[in-house]
Amino acid sequence: MREDCLDCVIKHLGQAFVTNIEVTLGYPDHILLTIGHLAEASEECYGKSPEIANRIRAERLKLMDDYDYHVPYFSLYNAVNEFAMMDDSEDDLEDEFEDGEEEVV
């Protein structure tokens, strides 16, 4: 199983946004691509943040019920970005701790 990838979450949210715009420009079938990218975004972060994954999933389900629903893409992006910054700082702390362990022999 692949590791969760927050960069991939952001990528899929961006792709969902673009394909959703394409729907409004006369490509109604692209709604399926939008739904697929939202599903991928949700799956990519479930292990790191089930809360964000469920939030993305909830937005996808709303869109599936109403193709005219406006997904709050920037709100989702901001939630992922804030989590990623917190996650990166925790990784930095783990790296420092691991570095310290390596020096003590």
PDB file of N, CA and C in Angstrom:
ATOM      1  N   MET A   1       0.841  -1.188   0.000  1.00  0.00           N
ATOM      2  CA  MET A   1       0.000   0.000   0.000  1.00  0.00           C
ATOM      3  C   MET A   1       0.885   1.250   0.000  1.00  0.00           C
ATOM      4  N   ARG A   2       0.503   2.232  -0.779  1.00  0.00           N
ATOM      5  CA  ARG A   2       1.271   3.478  -0.860  1.00  0.00           C
ATOM      6  C   ARG A   2       1.117   4.300   0.410  1.00  0.00           C
ATOM      7  N   GLU A   3       2.154   5.075   0.700  1.00  0.00           N
ATOM      8  CA  GLU A   3       2.066   6.023   1.801  1.00  0.00           C
ATOM      9  C   GLU A   3       1.173   7.189   1.402  1.00  0.00           C
ATOM     10  N   ASP A   4       0.581   7.833   2.402  1.00  0.00           N
ATOM     11  CA  ASP A   4      -0.213   9.029   2.133  1.00  0.00           C
ATOM     12  C   ASP A   4       0.700  10.131   1.617  1.00  0.00           C
ATOM     13  N   CYS A   5       0.148  10.973   0.757  1.00  0.00           N
ATOM     14  CA  CYS A   5       0.944  12.025   0.127  1.00  0.00           C
ATOM     15  C   CYS A   5       0.123  13.312   0.111  1.00  0.00           C
ATOM     16  N   LEU A   6       0.484  14.256   0.977  1.00  0.00           N
ATOM     17  CA  LEU A   6      -0.267  15.508   1.039  1.00  0.00           C
ATOM     18  C   LEU A   6      -0.065  16.349  -0.213  1.00  0.00           C
ATOM     19  N   ASP A   7       1.098  16.247  -0.844  1.00  0.00           N
ATOM     20  CA  ASP A   7       1.291  16.941  -2.122  1.00  0.00           C
ATOM     21  C   ASP A   7       0.327  16.384  -3.172  1.00  0.00           C
ATOM     22  N   CYS A   8       0.093  15.083  -3.121  1.00  0.00           N
ATOM     23  CA  CYS A   8      -0.846  14.458  -4.059  1.00  0.00           C
ATOM     24  C   CYS A   8      -2.276  14.904  -3.774  1.00  0.00           C
ATOM     25  N   VAL A   9      -2.599  15.113  -2.498  1.00  0.00           N
ATOM     26  CA  VAL A   9      -3.932  15.603  -2.140  1.00  0.00           C
ATOM     27  C   VAL A   9      -4.155  16.964  -2.795  1.00  0.00           C
ATOM     28  N   ILE A  10      -3.175  17.839  -2.650  1.00  0.00           N
ATOM     29  CA  ILE A  10      -3.277  19.180  -3.235  1.00  0.00           C
ATOM     30  C   ILE A  10      -3.368  19.091  -4.756  1.00  0.00           C
ATOM     31  N   LYS A  11      -2.583  18.187  -5.352  1.00  0.00           N
ATOM     32  CA  LYS A  11      -2.628  17.999  -6.810  1.00  0.00           C
ATOM     33  C   LYS A  11      -4.029  17.574  -7.251  1.00  0.00           C
ATOM     34  N   HIS A  12      -4.616  16.607  -6.562  1.00  0.00           N
ATOM     35  CA  HIS A  12      -5.941  16.125  -6.948  1.00  0.00           C
ATOM     36  C   HIS A  12      -7.020  17.173  -6.707  1.00  0.00           C
ATOM     37  N   LEU A  13      -6.884  17.955  -5.647  1.00  0.00           N
ATOM     38  CA  LEU A  13      -7.843  19.045  -5.435  1.00  0.00           C
ATOM     39  C   LEU A  13      -7.757  20.052  -6.580  1.00  0.00           C
ATOM     40  N   GLY A  14      -6.539  20.362  -6.998  1.00  0.00           N
ATOM     41  CA  GLY A  14      -6.363  21.287  -8.123  1.00  0.00           C
ATOM     42  C   GLY A  14      -6.942  20.733  -9.414  1.00  0.00           C
ATOM     43  N   GLN A  15      -6.725  19.448  -9.647  1.00  0.00           N
ATOM     44  CA  GLN A  15      -7.270  18.829 -10.853  1.00  0.00           C
ATOM     45  C   GLN A  15      -8.800  18.779 -10.800  1.00  0.00           C
ATOM     46  N   ALA A  16      -9.352  18.540  -9.615  1.00  0.00           N
ATOM     47  CA  ALA A  16     -10.810  18.540  -9.469  1.00  0.00           C
ATOM     48  C   ALA A  16     -11.357  19.929  -9.770  1.00  0.00           C
ATOM     49  N   PHE A  17     -10.674  20.949  -9.284  1.00  0.00           N
ATOM     50  CA  PHE A  17     -11.087  22.331  -9.538  1.00  0.00           C
ATOM     51  C   PHE A  17     -11.106  22.625 -11.036  1.00  0.00           C
ATOM     52  N   VAL A  18     -10.033  22.249 -11.721  1.00  0.00           N
ATOM     53  CA  VAL A  18      -9.928  22.522 -13.161  1.00  0.00           C
ATOM     54  C   VAL A  18     -10.999  21.758 -13.940  1.00  0.00           C
ATOM     55  N   THR A  19     -11.185  20.482 -13.630  1.00  0.00           N
ATOM     56  CA  THR A  19     -12.190  19.717 -14.378  1.00  0.00           C
ATOM     57  C   THR A  19     -13.596  20.222 -14.069  1.00  0.00           C
ATOM     58  N   ASN A  20     -13.793  20.764 -12.875  1.00  0.00           N
ATOM     59  CA  ASN A  20     -15.093  21.341 -12.543  1.00  0.00           C
ATOM     60  C   ASN A  20     -15.337  22.607 -13.371  1.00  0.00           C
ATOM     61  N   ILE A  21     -14.309  23.391 -13.602  1.00  0.00           N
ATOM     62  CA  ILE A  21     -14.435  24.563 -14.477  1.00  0.00           C
ATOM     63  C   ILE A  21     -14.774  24.119 -15.898  1.00  0.00           C
ATOM     64  N   GLU A  22     -14.147  23.036 -16.342  1.00  0.00           N
ATOM     65  CA  GLU A  22     -14.425  22.526 -17.684  1.00  0.00           C
ATOM     66  C   GLU A  22     -15.903  22.155 -17.836  1.00  0.00           C
ATOM     67  N   VAL A  23     -16.522  21.683 -16.761  1.00  0.00           N
ATOM     68  CA  VAL A  23     -17.954  21.365 -16.793  1.00  0.00           C
ATOM     69  C   VAL A  23     -18.747  22.613 -17.159  1.00  0.00           C
ATOM     70  N   THR A  24     -18.384  23.746 -16.559  1.00  0.00           N
ATOM     71  CA  THR A  24     -19.111  24.994 -16.819  1.00  0.00           C
ATOM     72  C   THR A  24     -18.818  25.554 -18.214  1.00  0.00           C
ATOM     73  N   LEU A  25     -17.733  25.085 -18.827  1.00  0.00           N
ATOM     74  CA  LEU A  25     -17.354  25.566 -20.152  1.00  0.00           C
ATOM     75  C   LEU A  25     -17.905  24.684 -21.277  1.00  0.00           C
ATOM     76  N   GLY A  26     -18.800  23.786 -20.920  1.00  0.00           N
ATOM     77  CA  GLY A  26     -19.445  22.994 -21.955  1.00  0.00           C
ATOM     78  C   GLY A  26     -19.017  21.547 -22.054  1.00  0.00           C
ATOM     79  N   TYR A  27     -18.339  21.040 -21.043  1.00  0.00           N
ATOM     80  CA  TYR A  27     -17.926  19.640 -21.022  1.00  0.00           C
ATOM     81  C   TYR A  27     -18.563  18.943 -19.812  1.00  0.00           C
ATOM     82  N   PRO A  28     -19.871  18.712 -19.858  1.00  0.00           N
ATOM     83  CA  PRO A  28     -20.586  18.186 -18.686  1.00  0.00           C
ATOM     84  C   PRO A  28     -20.090  16.824 -18.211  1.00  0.00           C
ATOM     85  N   ASP A  29     -19.556  16.014 -19.104  1.00  0.00           N
ATOM     86  CA  ASP A  29     -19.065  14.695 -18.689  1.00  0.00           C
ATOM     87  C   ASP A  29     -17.834  14.788 -17.789  1.00  0.00           C
ATOM     88  N   HIS A  30     -17.183  15.936 -17.767  1.00  0.00           N
ATOM     89  CA  HIS A  30     -15.987  16.091 -16.941  1.00  0.00           C
ATOM     90  C   HIS A  30     -16.317  16.110 -15.451  1.00  0.00           C
ATOM     91  N   ILE A  31     -17.605  16.160 -15.118  1.00  0.00           N
ATOM     92  CA  ILE A  31     -17.997  16.069 -13.706  1.00  0.00           C
ATOM     93  C   ILE A  31     -17.523  14.741 -13.120  1.00  0.00           C
ATOM     94  N   LEU A  32     -17.474  13.712 -13.963  1.00  0.00           N
ATOM     95  CA  LEU A  32     -16.990  12.407 -13.501  1.00  0.00           C
ATOM     96  C   LEU A  32     -15.510  12.471 -13.142  1.00  0.00           C
ATOM     97  N   LEU A  33     -14.748  13.249 -13.907  1.00  0.00           N
ATOM     98  CA  LEU A  33     -13.330  13.436 -13.582  1.00  0.00           C
ATOM     99  C   LEU A  33     -13.179  14.198 -12.268  1.00  0.00           C
ATOM    100  N   THR A  34     -14.025  15.197 -12.083  1.00  0.00           N
ATOM    101  CA  THR A  34     -14.001  15.970 -10.837  1.00  0.00           C
ATOM    102  C   THR A  34     -14.265  15.059  -9.645  1.00  0.00           C
ATOM    103  N   ILE A  35     -15.290  14.252  -9.762  1.00  0.00           N
ATOM    104  CA  ILE A  35     -15.645  13.323  -8.681  1.00  0.00           C
ATOM    105  C   ILE A  35     -14.499  12.351  -8.418  1.00  0.00           C
ATOM    106  N   GLY A  36     -13.887  11.853  -9.479  1.00  0.00           N
ATOM    107  CA  GLY A  36     -12.761  10.933  -9.324  1.00  0.00           C
ATOM    108  C   GLY A  36     -11.572  11.567  -8.633  1.00  0.00           C
ATOM    109  N   HIS A  37     -11.258  12.807  -8.991  1.00  0.00           N
ATOM    110  CA  HIS A  37     -10.129  13.485  -8.348  1.00  0.00           C
ATOM    111  C   HIS A  37     -10.415  13.760  -6.874  1.00  0.00           C
ATOM    112  N   LEU A  38     -11.644  14.091  -6.535  1.00  0.00           N
ATOM    113  CA  LEU A  38     -11.984  14.286  -5.124  1.00  0.00           C
ATOM    114  C   LEU A  38     -11.843  12.977  -4.356  1.00  0.00           C
ATOM    115  N   ALA A  39     -12.241  11.871  -4.977  1.00  0.00           N
ATOM    116  CA  ALA A  39     -12.078  10.564  -4.332  1.00  0.00           C
ATOM    117  C   ALA A  39     -10.598  10.258  -4.107  1.00  0.00           C
ATOM    118  N   GLU A  40      -9.779  10.528  -5.118  1.00  0.00           N
ATOM    119  CA  GLU A  40      -8.336  10.301  -4.983  1.00  0.00           C
ATOM    120  C   GLU A  40      -7.731  11.191  -3.897  1.00  0.00           C
ATOM    121  N   ALA A  41      -8.140  12.444  -3.849  1.00  0.00           N
ATOM    122  CA  ALA A  41      -7.622  13.361  -2.825  1.00  0.00           C
ATOM    123  C   ALA A  41      -7.939  12.830  -1.434  1.00  0.00           C
ATOM    124  N   SER A  42      -9.146  12.359  -1.257  1.00  0.00           N
ATOM    125  CA  SER A  42      -9.565  11.816   0.038  1.00  0.00           C
ATOM    126  C   SER A  42      -8.734  10.589   0.418  1.00  0.00           C
ATOM    127  N   GLU A  43      -8.540   9.692  -0.530  1.00  0.00           N
ATOM    128  CA  GLU A  43      -7.777   8.472  -0.259  1.00  0.00           C
ATOM    129  C   GLU A  43      -6.316   8.767   0.047  1.00  0.00           C
ATOM    130  N   GLU A  44      -5.763   9.795  -0.581  1.00  0.00           N
ATOM    131  CA  GLU A  44      -4.339  10.112  -0.400  1.00  0.00           C
ATOM    132  C   GLU A  44      -4.004  10.625   0.998  1.00  0.00           C
ATOM    133  N   CYS A  45      -5.000  11.079   1.748  1.00  0.00           N
ATOM    134  CA  CYS A  45      -4.665  11.644   3.063  1.00  0.00           C
ATOM    135  C   CYS A  45      -5.319  10.912   4.234  1.00  0.00           C
ATOM    136  N   TYR A  46      -6.030   9.831   3.976  1.00  0.00           N
ATOM    137  CA  TYR A  46      -6.780   9.187   5.054  1.00  0.00           C
ATOM    138  C   TYR A  46      -5.886   8.729   6.206  1.00  0.00           C
ATOM    139  N   GLY A  47      -4.728   8.193   5.898  1.00  0.00           N
ATOM    140  CA  GLY A  47      -3.831   7.709   6.952  1.00  0.00           C
ATOM    141  C   GLY A  47      -3.247   8.808   7.818  1.00  0.00           C
ATOM    142  N   LYS A  48      -2.983   9.962   7.219  1.00  0.00           N
ATOM    143  CA  LYS A  48      -2.405  11.085   7.965  1.00  0.00           C
ATOM    144  C   LYS A  48      -3.463  11.925   8.650  1.00  0.00           C
ATOM    145  N   SER A  49      -4.608  12.106   7.987  1.00  0.00           N
ATOM    146  CA  SER A  49      -5.665  12.935   8.563  1.00  0.00           C
ATOM    147  C   SER A  49      -7.041  12.429   8.117  1.00  0.00           C
ATOM    148  N   PRO A  50      -7.602  11.493   8.884  1.00  0.00           N
ATOM    149  CA  PRO A  50      -8.941  11.010   8.553  1.00  0.00           C
ATOM    150  C   PRO A  50      -9.977  12.133   8.545  1.00  0.00           C
ATOM    151  N   GLU A  51      -9.753  13.166   9.355  1.00  0.00           N
ATOM    152  CA  GLU A  51     -10.706  14.285   9.406  1.00  0.00           C
ATOM    153  C   GLU A  51     -10.765  15.018   8.068  1.00  0.00           C
ATOM    154  N   ILE A  52      -9.597  15.317   7.510  1.00  0.00           N
ATOM    155  CA  ILE A  52      -9.565  16.004   6.215  1.00  0.00           C
ATOM    156  C   ILE A  52     -10.087  15.074   5.124  1.00  0.00           C
ATOM    157  N   ALA A  53      -9.702  13.813   5.183  1.00  0.00           N
ATOM    158  CA  ALA A  53     -10.191  12.850   4.190  1.00  0.00           C
ATOM    159  C   ALA A  53     -11.720  12.785   4.212  1.00  0.00           C
ATOM    160  N   ASN A  54     -12.288  12.754   5.397  1.00  0.00           N
ATOM    161  CA  ASN A  54     -13.747  12.699   5.501  1.00  0.00           C
ATOM    162  C   ASN A  54     -14.401  13.998   5.052  1.00  0.00           C
ATOM    163  N   ARG A  55     -13.723  15.102   5.279  1.00  0.00           N
ATOM    164  CA  ARG A  55     -14.253  16.391   4.822  1.00  0.00           C
ATOM    165  C   ARG A  55     -14.294  16.447   3.296  1.00  0.00           C
ATOM    166  N   ILE A  56     -13.219  15.986   2.655  1.00  0.00           N
ATOM    167  CA  ILE A  56     -13.183  15.945   1.193  1.00  0.00           C
ATOM    168  C   ILE A  56     -14.256  14.981   0.684  1.00  0.00           C
ATOM    169  N   ARG A  57     -14.380  13.845   1.343  1.00  0.00           N
ATOM    170  CA  ARG A  57     -15.393  12.858   0.945  1.00  0.00           C
ATOM    171  C   ARG A  57     -16.794  13.452   1.037  1.00  0.00           C
ATOM    172  N   ALA A  58     -17.058  14.175   2.120  1.00  0.00           N
ATOM    173  CA  ALA A  58     -18.382  14.789   2.293  1.00  0.00           C
ATOM    174  C   ALA A  58     -18.683  15.766   1.160  1.00  0.00           C
ATOM    175  N   GLU A  59     -17.681  16.533   0.741  1.00  0.00           N
ATOM    176  CA  GLU A  59     -17.873  17.468  -0.363  1.00  0.00           C
ATOM    177  C   GLU A  59     -18.119  16.719  -1.666  1.00  0.00           C
ATOM    178  N   ARG A  60     -17.409  15.614  -1.858  1.00  0.00           N
ATOM    179  CA  ARG A  60     -17.621  14.800  -3.061  1.00  0.00           C
ATOM    180  C   ARG A  60     -19.043  14.250  -3.096  1.00  0.00           C
ATOM    181  N   LEU A  61     -19.519  13.777  -1.963  1.00  0.00           N
ATOM    182  CA  LEU A  61     -20.881  13.234  -1.917  1.00  0.00           C
ATOM    183  C   LEU A  61     -21.925  14.311  -2.200  1.00  0.00           C
ATOM    184  N   LYS A  62     -21.693  15.521  -1.712  1.00  0.00           N
ATOM    185  CA  LYS A  62     -22.606  16.629  -2.018  1.00  0.00           C
ATOM    186  C   LYS A  62     -22.631  16.898  -3.520  1.00  0.00           C
ATOM    187  N   LEU A  63     -21.457  16.863  -4.136  1.00  0.00           N
ATOM    188  CA  LEU A  63     -21.374  17.088  -5.578  1.00  0.00           C
ATOM    189  C   LEU A  63     -22.060  15.961  -6.350  1.00  0.00           C
ATOM    190  N   MET A  64     -21.918  14.750  -5.861  1.00  0.00           N
ATOM    191  CA  MET A  64     -22.565  13.617  -6.526  1.00  0.00           C
ATOM    192  C   MET A  64     -24.089  13.717  -6.447  1.00  0.00           C
ATOM    193  N   ASP A  65     -24.589  14.315  -5.372  1.00  0.00           N
ATOM    194  CA  ASP A  65     -26.034  14.505  -5.225  1.00  0.00           C
ATOM    195  C   ASP A  65     -26.547  15.672  -6.058  1.00  0.00           C
ATOM    196  N   ASP A  66     -25.684  16.653  -6.282  1.00  0.00           N
ATOM    197  CA  ASP A  66     -26.089  17.866  -7.002  1.00  0.00           C
ATOM    198  C   ASP A  66     -24.907  18.370  -7.822  1.00  0.00           C
ATOM    199  N   TYR A  67     -24.922  18.104  -9.118  1.00  0.00           N
ATOM    200  CA  TYR A  67     -23.806  18.482  -9.979  1.00  0.00           C
ATOM    201  C   TYR A  67     -23.593  19.991 -10.041  1.00  0.00           C
ATOM    202  N   ASP A  68     -24.549  20.771  -9.587  1.00  0.00           N
ATOM    203  CA  ASP A  68     -24.396  22.225  -9.554  1.00  0.00           C
ATOM    204  C   ASP A  68     -23.805  22.725  -8.235  1.00  0.00           C
ATOM    205  N   TYR A  69     -23.544  21.808  -7.313  1.00  0.00           N
ATOM    206  CA  TYR A  69     -22.971  22.185  -6.013  1.00  0.00           C
ATOM    207  C   TYR A  69     -21.585  22.796  -6.220  1.00  0.00           C
ATOM    208  N   HIS A  70     -21.296  23.836  -5.456  1.00  0.00           N
ATOM    209  CA  HIS A  70     -19.994  24.499  -5.527  1.00  0.00           C
ATOM    210  C   HIS A  70     -19.098  24.005  -4.393  1.00  0.00           C
ATOM    211  N   VAL A  71     -18.153  23.162  -4.753  1.00  0.00           N
ATOM    212  CA  VAL A  71     -17.207  22.612  -3.774  1.00  0.00           C
ATOM    213  C   VAL A  71     -16.297  23.741  -3.294  1.00  0.00           C
ATOM    214  N   PRO A  72     -16.092  23.861  -1.979  1.00  0.00           N
ATOM    215  CA  PRO A  72     -15.202  24.919  -1.462  1.00  0.00           C
ATOM    216  C   PRO A  72     -13.721  24.505  -1.576  1.00  0.00           C
ATOM    217  N   TYR A  73     -13.232  24.502  -2.804  1.00  0.00           N
ATOM    218  CA  TYR A  73     -11.875  24.009  -3.064  1.00  0.00           C
ATOM    219  C   TYR A  73     -10.806  24.728  -2.249  1.00  0.00           C
ATOM    220  N   PHE A  74     -10.905  26.043  -2.161  1.00  0.00           N
ATOM    221  CA  PHE A  74      -9.857  26.789  -1.459  1.00  0.00           C
ATOM    222  C   PHE A  74      -9.893  26.532   0.040  1.00  0.00           C
ATOM    223  N   SER A  75     -11.066  26.317   0.567  1.00  0.00           N
ATOM    224  CA  SER A  75     -11.179  25.952   1.981  1.00  0.00           C
ATOM    225  C   SER A  75     -10.534  24.583   2.231  1.00  0.00           C
ATOM    226  N   LEU A  76     -10.780  23.646   1.324  1.00  0.00           N
ATOM    227  CA  LEU A  76     -10.158  22.322   1.445  1.00  0.00           C
ATOM    228  C   LEU A  76      -8.646  22.425   1.301  1.00  0.00           C
ATOM    229  N   TYR A  77      -8.202  23.194   0.322  1.00  0.00           N
ATOM    230  CA  TYR A  77      -6.770  23.386   0.121  1.00  0.00           C
ATOM    231  C   TYR A  77      -6.119  23.972   1.375  1.00  0.00           C
ATOM    232  N   ASN A  78      -6.751  24.992   1.944  1.00  0.00           N
ATOM    233  CA  ASN A  78      -6.192  25.617   3.144  1.00  0.00           C
ATOM    234  C   ASN A  78      -6.110  24.634   4.304  1.00  0.00           C
ATOM    235  N   ALA A  79      -7.111  23.779   4.454  1.00  0.00           N
ATOM    236  CA  ALA A  79      -7.083  22.776   5.530  1.00  0.00           C
ATOM    237  C   ALA A  79      -5.924  21.803   5.322  1.00  0.00           C
ATOM    238  N   VAL A  80      -5.723  21.360   4.086  1.00  0.00           N
ATOM    239  CA  VAL A  80      -4.619  20.438   3.793  1.00  0.00           C
ATOM    240  C   VAL A  80      -3.283  21.137   4.004  1.00  0.00           C
ATOM    241  N   ASN A  81      -3.169  22.366   3.536  1.00  0.00           N
ATOM    242  CA  ASN A  81      -1.920  23.108   3.669  1.00  0.00           C
ATOM    243  C   ASN A  81      -1.567  23.344   5.140  1.00  0.00           C
ATOM    244  N   GLU A  82      -2.541  23.729   5.952  1.00  0.00           N
ATOM    245  CA  GLU A  82      -2.286  23.930   7.387  1.00  0.00           C
ATOM    246  C   GLU A  82      -1.852  22.632   8.051  1.00  0.00           C
ATOM    247  N   PHE A  83      -2.522  21.540   7.710  1.00  0.00           N
ATOM    248  CA  PHE A  83      -2.142  20.251   8.276  1.00  0.00           C
ATOM    249  C   PHE A  83      -0.729  19.868   7.831  1.00  0.00           C
ATOM    250  N   ALA A  84      -0.420  20.103   6.561  1.00  0.00           N
ATOM    251  CA  ALA A  84       0.899  19.759   6.033  1.00  0.00           C
ATOM    252  C   ALA A  84       1.997  20.521   6.765  1.00  0.00           C
ATOM    253  N   MET A  85       1.750  21.792   7.071  1.00  0.00           N
ATOM    254  CA  MET A  85       2.750  22.575   7.802  1.00  0.00           C
ATOM    255  C   MET A  85       2.962  21.989   9.194  1.00  0.00           C
ATOM    256  N   MET A  86       1.889  21.594   9.866  1.00  0.00           N
ATOM    257  CA  MET A  86       2.015  20.965  11.187  1.00  0.00           C
ATOM    258  C   MET A  86       2.724  19.626  11.065  1.00  0.00           C
ATOM    259  N   ASP A  87       2.372  18.853  10.048  1.00  0.00           N
ATOM    260  CA  ASP A  87       2.966  17.535   9.834  1.00  0.00           C
ATOM    261  C   ASP A  87       4.458  17.665   9.542  1.00  0.00           C
ATOM    262  N   ASP A  88       4.855  18.675   8.744  1.00  0.00           N
ATOM    263  CA  ASP A  88       6.262  18.900   8.436  1.00  0.00           C
ATOM    264  C   ASP A  88       7.050  19.252   9.684  1.00  0.00           C
ATOM    265  N   SER A  89       6.483  20.059  10.572  1.00  0.00           N
ATOM    266  CA  SER A  89       7.207  20.437  11.785  1.00  0.00           C
ATOM    267  C   SER A  89       7.388  19.224  12.683  1.00  0.00           C
ATOM    268  N   GLU A  90       6.417  18.319  12.715  1.00  0.00           N
ATOM    269  CA  GLU A  90       6.575  17.093  13.497  1.00  0.00           C
ATOM    270  C   GLU A  90       7.661  16.215  12.885  1.00  0.00           C
ATOM    271  N   ASP A  91       7.716  16.139  11.550  1.00  0.00           N
ATOM    272  CA  ASP A  91       8.761  15.369  10.890  1.00  0.00           C
ATOM    273  C   ASP A  91      10.124  15.953  11.209  1.00  0.00           C
ATOM    274  N   ASP A  92      10.230  17.303  11.228  1.00  0.00           N
ATOM    275  CA  ASP A  92      11.499  17.954  11.555  1.00  0.00           C
ATOM    276  C   ASP A  92      11.934  17.585  12.967  1.00  0.00           C
ATOM    277  N   LEU A  93      10.990  17.557  13.910  1.00  0.00           N
ATOM    278  CA  LEU A  93      11.323  17.184  15.287  1.00  0.00           C
ATOM    279  C   LEU A  93      11.788  15.736  15.347  1.00  0.00           C
ATOM    280  N   GLU A  94      11.130  14.854  14.609  1.00  0.00           N
ATOM    281  CA  GLU A  94      11.541  13.456  14.581  1.00  0.00           C
ATOM    282  C   GLU A  94      12.931  13.321  13.993  1.00  0.00           C
ATOM    283  N   ASP A  95      13.235  14.080  12.933  1.00  0.00           N
ATOM    284  CA  ASP A  95      14.560  14.029  12.317  1.00  0.00           C
ATOM    285  C   ASP A  95      15.626  14.480  13.307  1.00  0.00           C
ATOM    286  N   GLU A  96      15.353  15.557  14.051  1.00  0.00           N
ATOM    287  CA  GLU A  96      16.319  16.045  15.030  1.00  0.00           C
ATOM    288  C   GLU A  96      16.548  14.998  16.110  1.00  0.00           C
ATOM    289  N   PHE A  97      15.496  14.349  16.561  1.00  0.00           N
ATOM    290  CA  PHE A  97      15.610  13.334  17.595  1.00  0.00           C
ATOM    291  C   PHE A  97      16.415  12.152  17.073  1.00  0.00           C
ATOM    292  N   GLU A  98      16.128  11.721  15.852  1.00  0.00           N
ATOM    293  CA  GLU A  98      16.853  10.622  15.260  1.00  0.00           C
ATOM    294  C   GLU A  98      18.310  10.988  15.074  1.00  0.00           C
ATOM    295  N   ASP A  99      18.598  12.223  14.647  1.00  0.00           N
ATOM    296  CA  ASP A  99      19.979  12.652  14.488  1.00  0.00           C
ATOM    297  C   ASP A  99      20.701  12.592  15.829  1.00  0.00           C
ATOM    298  N   GLY A 100      20.030  13.022  16.889  1.00  0.00           N
ATOM    299  CA  GLY A 100      20.629  12.986  18.223  1.00  0.00           C
ATOM    300  C   GLY A 100      20.905  11.575  18.676  1.00  0.00           C
ATOM    301  N   GLU A 101      20.028  10.663  18.347  1.00  0.00           N
ATOM    302  CA  GLU A 101      20.223   9.268  18.726  1.00  0.00           C
ATOM    303  C   GLU A 101      21.430   8.685  18.014  1.00  0.00           C
ATOM    304  N   GLU A 102      21.638   9.061  16.786  1.00  0.00           N
ATOM    305  CA  GLU A 102      22.761   8.513  16.024  1.00  0.00           C
ATOM    306  C   GLU A 102      24.100   8.982  16.600  1.00  0.00           C
ATOM    307  N   GLU A 103      24.115  10.187  17.146  1.00  0.00           N
ATOM    308  CA  GLU A 103      25.363  10.709  17.684  1.00  0.00           C
ATOM    309  C   GLU A 103      25.718  10.067  19.016  1.00  0.00           C
ATOM    310  N   VAL A 104      24.732   9.653  19.773  1.00  0.00           N
ATOM    311  CA  VAL A 104      24.982   9.027  21.077  1.00  0.00           C
ATOM    312  C   VAL A 104      25.160   7.541  20.858  1.00  0.00           C
ATOM    313  N   VAL A 105      26.400   7.062  21.025  1.00  0.00           N
ATOM    314  CA  VAL A 105      26.679   5.631  20.769  1.00  0.00           C
ATOM    315  C   VAL A 105      27.133   4.966  22.016  1.00  0.00           C
TER     316      VAL A 105
END
